[in-house]
N, C-alpha and C. Protein backbone atom coordinates (compact mmCIF):
# COMPACT_ATOMS: atom_id res chain seq x y z
N MET A 1 16.56 -21.06 -13.85
CA MET A 1 16.31 -19.89 -13.03
C MET A 1 16.00 -20.37 -11.61
N SER A 2 16.72 -19.83 -10.64
CA SER A 2 16.52 -20.27 -9.26
C SER A 2 15.25 -19.68 -8.67
N LYS A 3 14.80 -20.27 -7.58
CA LYS A 3 13.58 -19.79 -6.92
C LYS A 3 13.76 -18.37 -6.40
N LEU A 4 14.95 -18.05 -5.93
CA LEU A 4 15.21 -16.71 -5.40
C LEU A 4 15.13 -15.67 -6.50
N SER A 5 15.68 -15.96 -7.66
CA SER A 5 15.62 -14.99 -8.76
C SER A 5 14.20 -14.86 -9.29
N LYS A 6 13.42 -15.94 -9.25
CA LYS A 6 12.02 -15.86 -9.64
C LYS A 6 11.25 -14.95 -8.68
N ALA A 7 11.54 -15.08 -7.39
CA ALA A 7 10.86 -14.24 -6.39
C ALA A 7 11.24 -12.78 -6.56
N LYS A 8 12.49 -12.51 -6.87
CA LYS A 8 12.91 -11.12 -7.09
C LYS A 8 12.25 -10.55 -8.34
N GLY A 9 12.12 -11.37 -9.36
CA GLY A 9 11.47 -10.93 -10.58
C GLY A 9 9.98 -10.67 -10.38
N PHE A 10 9.34 -11.45 -9.51
CA PHE A 10 7.91 -11.27 -9.25
C PHE A 10 7.65 -9.93 -8.59
N LYS A 11 8.56 -9.50 -7.73
CA LYS A 11 8.37 -8.24 -7.02
C LYS A 11 8.30 -7.06 -7.99
N LYS A 12 9.00 -7.13 -9.11
CA LYS A 12 9.01 -6.05 -10.10
C LYS A 12 8.04 -6.29 -11.24
N SER A 13 7.25 -7.36 -11.16
CA SER A 13 6.30 -7.65 -12.22
C SER A 13 4.98 -6.93 -11.95
N LYS A 14 4.12 -6.91 -12.97
CA LYS A 14 2.81 -6.28 -12.82
C LYS A 14 2.00 -6.97 -11.73
N ASN A 15 2.02 -8.30 -11.73
CA ASN A 15 1.28 -9.04 -10.73
C ASN A 15 1.83 -8.78 -9.33
N GLY A 16 3.14 -8.68 -9.22
CA GLY A 16 3.75 -8.39 -7.93
C GLY A 16 3.37 -7.01 -7.43
N LEU A 17 3.33 -6.04 -8.34
CA LEU A 17 2.94 -4.69 -7.95
C LEU A 17 1.47 -4.63 -7.55
N TYR A 18 0.62 -5.36 -8.28
CA TYR A 18 -0.80 -5.41 -7.91
C TYR A 18 -0.96 -6.02 -6.51
N LEU A 19 -0.22 -7.08 -6.24
CA LEU A 19 -0.27 -7.72 -4.93
C LEU A 19 0.22 -6.78 -3.84
N SER A 20 1.30 -6.06 -4.11
CA SER A 20 1.81 -5.09 -3.14
C SER A 20 0.81 -3.98 -2.87
N MET A 21 0.13 -3.53 -3.93
CA MET A 21 -0.88 -2.48 -3.75
C MET A 21 -2.05 -3.00 -2.91
N ALA A 22 -2.45 -4.22 -3.15
CA ALA A 22 -3.56 -4.80 -2.40
C ALA A 22 -3.21 -4.96 -0.93
N THR A 23 -2.01 -5.45 -0.64
CA THR A 23 -1.63 -5.64 0.76
C THR A 23 -1.44 -4.30 1.46
N THR A 24 -0.93 -3.31 0.74
CA THR A 24 -0.78 -1.98 1.32
C THR A 24 -2.14 -1.37 1.61
N ALA A 25 -3.06 -1.50 0.67
CA ALA A 25 -4.41 -0.97 0.87
C ALA A 25 -5.12 -1.70 2.01
N PHE A 26 -4.85 -2.99 2.17
CA PHE A 26 -5.45 -3.75 3.25
C PHE A 26 -5.03 -3.20 4.61
N GLY A 27 -3.83 -2.63 4.69
CA GLY A 27 -3.37 -2.00 5.93
C GLY A 27 -4.22 -0.81 6.33
N ALA A 28 -4.95 -0.24 5.38
CA ALA A 28 -5.82 0.90 5.68
C ALA A 28 -6.93 0.50 6.64
N PHE A 29 -7.39 -0.75 6.59
CA PHE A 29 -8.41 -1.20 7.52
C PHE A 29 -7.91 -1.14 8.96
N SER A 30 -6.68 -1.56 9.17
CA SER A 30 -6.09 -1.50 10.51
C SER A 30 -5.96 -0.06 10.99
N VAL A 31 -5.55 0.82 10.10
CA VAL A 31 -5.40 2.23 10.45
C VAL A 31 -6.76 2.85 10.77
N ALA A 32 -7.78 2.48 10.01
CA ALA A 32 -9.13 3.00 10.27
C ALA A 32 -9.63 2.55 11.64
N LYS A 33 -9.38 1.29 11.98
CA LYS A 33 -9.78 0.80 13.31
C LYS A 33 -9.03 1.54 14.40
N GLN A 34 -7.74 1.78 14.17
CA GLN A 34 -6.92 2.49 15.15
C GLN A 34 -7.44 3.92 15.33
N ALA A 35 -7.80 4.58 14.25
CA ALA A 35 -8.30 5.95 14.33
C ALA A 35 -9.65 5.99 15.05
N LYS A 36 -10.51 5.03 14.76
CA LYS A 36 -11.83 4.98 15.41
C LYS A 36 -11.67 4.78 16.92
N LEU A 37 -10.78 3.87 17.30
CA LEU A 37 -10.53 3.63 18.72
C LEU A 37 -9.95 4.87 19.39
N ALA A 38 -9.05 5.53 18.70
CA ALA A 38 -8.43 6.74 19.26
C ALA A 38 -9.47 7.84 19.46
N ARG A 39 -10.40 7.96 18.53
CA ARG A 39 -11.45 8.98 18.67
C ARG A 39 -12.38 8.67 19.83
N THR A 40 -12.76 7.40 19.98
CA THR A 40 -13.67 7.04 21.07
C THR A 40 -13.01 7.20 22.43
N GLU A 41 -11.70 6.98 22.49
CA GLU A 41 -10.97 7.13 23.75
C GLU A 41 -10.39 8.53 23.92
N SER A 42 -10.58 9.40 22.95
CA SER A 42 -10.01 10.75 22.96
C SER A 42 -8.50 10.71 23.20
N ASP A 43 -7.85 9.79 22.51
CA ASP A 43 -6.40 9.62 22.63
C ASP A 43 -5.72 10.34 21.47
N THR A 44 -5.23 11.54 21.74
CA THR A 44 -4.63 12.37 20.70
C THR A 44 -3.38 11.73 20.10
N LEU A 45 -2.58 11.13 20.92
CA LEU A 45 -1.33 10.53 20.43
C LEU A 45 -1.62 9.37 19.47
N ARG A 46 -2.60 8.53 19.79
CA ARG A 46 -2.96 7.44 18.88
C ARG A 46 -3.59 7.98 17.60
N LEU A 47 -4.33 9.06 17.72
CA LEU A 47 -4.93 9.67 16.54
C LEU A 47 -3.85 10.22 15.61
N ILE A 48 -2.83 10.83 16.17
CA ILE A 48 -1.70 11.32 15.36
C ILE A 48 -0.98 10.15 14.70
N ASP A 49 -0.81 9.06 15.46
CA ASP A 49 -0.15 7.87 14.91
C ASP A 49 -0.96 7.31 13.74
N ALA A 50 -2.28 7.28 13.88
CA ALA A 50 -3.13 6.79 12.79
C ALA A 50 -3.03 7.69 11.57
N ALA A 51 -2.96 9.00 11.79
CA ALA A 51 -2.84 9.94 10.67
C ALA A 51 -1.52 9.76 9.93
N VAL A 52 -0.45 9.58 10.68
CA VAL A 52 0.87 9.37 10.07
C VAL A 52 0.89 8.04 9.31
N SER A 53 0.28 7.02 9.89
CA SER A 53 0.21 5.72 9.22
C SER A 53 -0.60 5.81 7.93
N ALA A 54 -1.69 6.56 7.97
CA ALA A 54 -2.52 6.74 6.77
C ALA A 54 -1.73 7.47 5.68
N ALA A 55 -0.94 8.45 6.08
CA ALA A 55 -0.11 9.16 5.12
C ALA A 55 0.94 8.22 4.51
N ALA A 56 1.49 7.34 5.32
CA ALA A 56 2.47 6.38 4.83
C ALA A 56 1.83 5.41 3.84
N ILE A 57 0.61 4.98 4.12
CA ILE A 57 -0.09 4.08 3.21
C ILE A 57 -0.38 4.79 1.89
N ALA A 58 -0.83 6.02 1.97
CA ALA A 58 -1.12 6.79 0.74
C ALA A 58 0.14 6.98 -0.09
N THR A 59 1.24 7.29 0.56
CA THR A 59 2.51 7.47 -0.14
C THR A 59 2.97 6.16 -0.77
N GLY A 60 2.84 5.07 -0.03
CA GLY A 60 3.23 3.76 -0.54
C GLY A 60 2.42 3.37 -1.77
N LEU A 61 1.11 3.63 -1.72
CA LEU A 61 0.27 3.33 -2.87
C LEU A 61 0.64 4.19 -4.07
N ALA A 62 0.98 5.45 -3.83
CA ALA A 62 1.37 6.35 -4.92
C ALA A 62 2.67 5.86 -5.58
N ILE A 63 3.61 5.42 -4.77
CA ILE A 63 4.88 4.91 -5.30
C ILE A 63 4.64 3.64 -6.12
N LEU A 64 3.82 2.73 -5.59
CA LEU A 64 3.52 1.50 -6.32
C LEU A 64 2.79 1.80 -7.63
N TYR A 65 1.88 2.75 -7.61
CA TYR A 65 1.16 3.15 -8.82
C TYR A 65 2.14 3.70 -9.86
N ARG A 66 3.09 4.52 -9.41
CA ARG A 66 4.10 5.07 -10.32
C ARG A 66 4.93 3.95 -10.94
N GLU A 67 5.32 2.97 -10.14
CA GLU A 67 6.09 1.85 -10.67
C GLU A 67 5.28 1.06 -11.68
N LEU A 68 4.00 0.92 -11.42
CA LEU A 68 3.13 0.21 -12.34
C LEU A 68 3.03 0.95 -13.67
N LYS A 69 2.93 2.26 -13.60
CA LYS A 69 2.89 3.07 -14.82
C LYS A 69 4.20 2.95 -15.60
N ARG A 70 5.32 2.85 -14.90
CA ARG A 70 6.62 2.71 -15.56
C ARG A 70 6.74 1.40 -16.33
N LEU A 71 6.01 0.40 -15.88
CA LEU A 71 6.05 -0.89 -16.58
C LEU A 71 5.26 -0.84 -17.89
N GLY A 72 4.56 0.28 -18.11
CA GLY A 72 3.82 0.44 -19.35
C GLY A 72 2.58 -0.41 -19.41
N ASP A 73 1.86 -0.48 -18.33
CA ASP A 73 0.65 -1.29 -18.26
C ASP A 73 -0.40 -0.72 -19.22
N ASP A 74 -1.02 -1.59 -19.99
CA ASP A 74 -2.04 -1.18 -20.96
C ASP A 74 -3.44 -1.28 -20.38
N ASP A 75 -3.55 -1.41 -19.08
CA ASP A 75 -4.86 -1.56 -18.45
C ASP A 75 -5.68 -0.29 -18.64
N VAL A 76 -6.95 -0.45 -18.98
CA VAL A 76 -7.84 0.67 -19.23
C VAL A 76 -7.99 1.52 -17.97
N LEU A 77 -8.01 0.89 -16.80
CA LEU A 77 -8.22 1.63 -15.56
C LEU A 77 -7.05 2.55 -15.22
N LEU A 78 -5.87 2.25 -15.71
CA LEU A 78 -4.70 3.06 -15.39
C LEU A 78 -4.47 4.19 -16.36
N GLY A 79 -5.16 4.19 -17.45
CA GLY A 79 -5.05 5.28 -18.41
C GLY A 79 -3.96 5.20 -19.39
């Protein structure tokens, strides 16, 4: 099995999905900082950008969660 096919397989594995969820959630910190800065500067356009970014993160996490459920994870936390 080549390294490239191993990497492609990892992306669809449970561990790969957990890693993707963690990195996506980590992006929320950046969005929170952006929103805080926008509020202190009363920058409406940056605040809108932060809201759209937060929506994208939430959607991304929902998609990753759905993929994790499709893999049939037996984790107690996932139900």
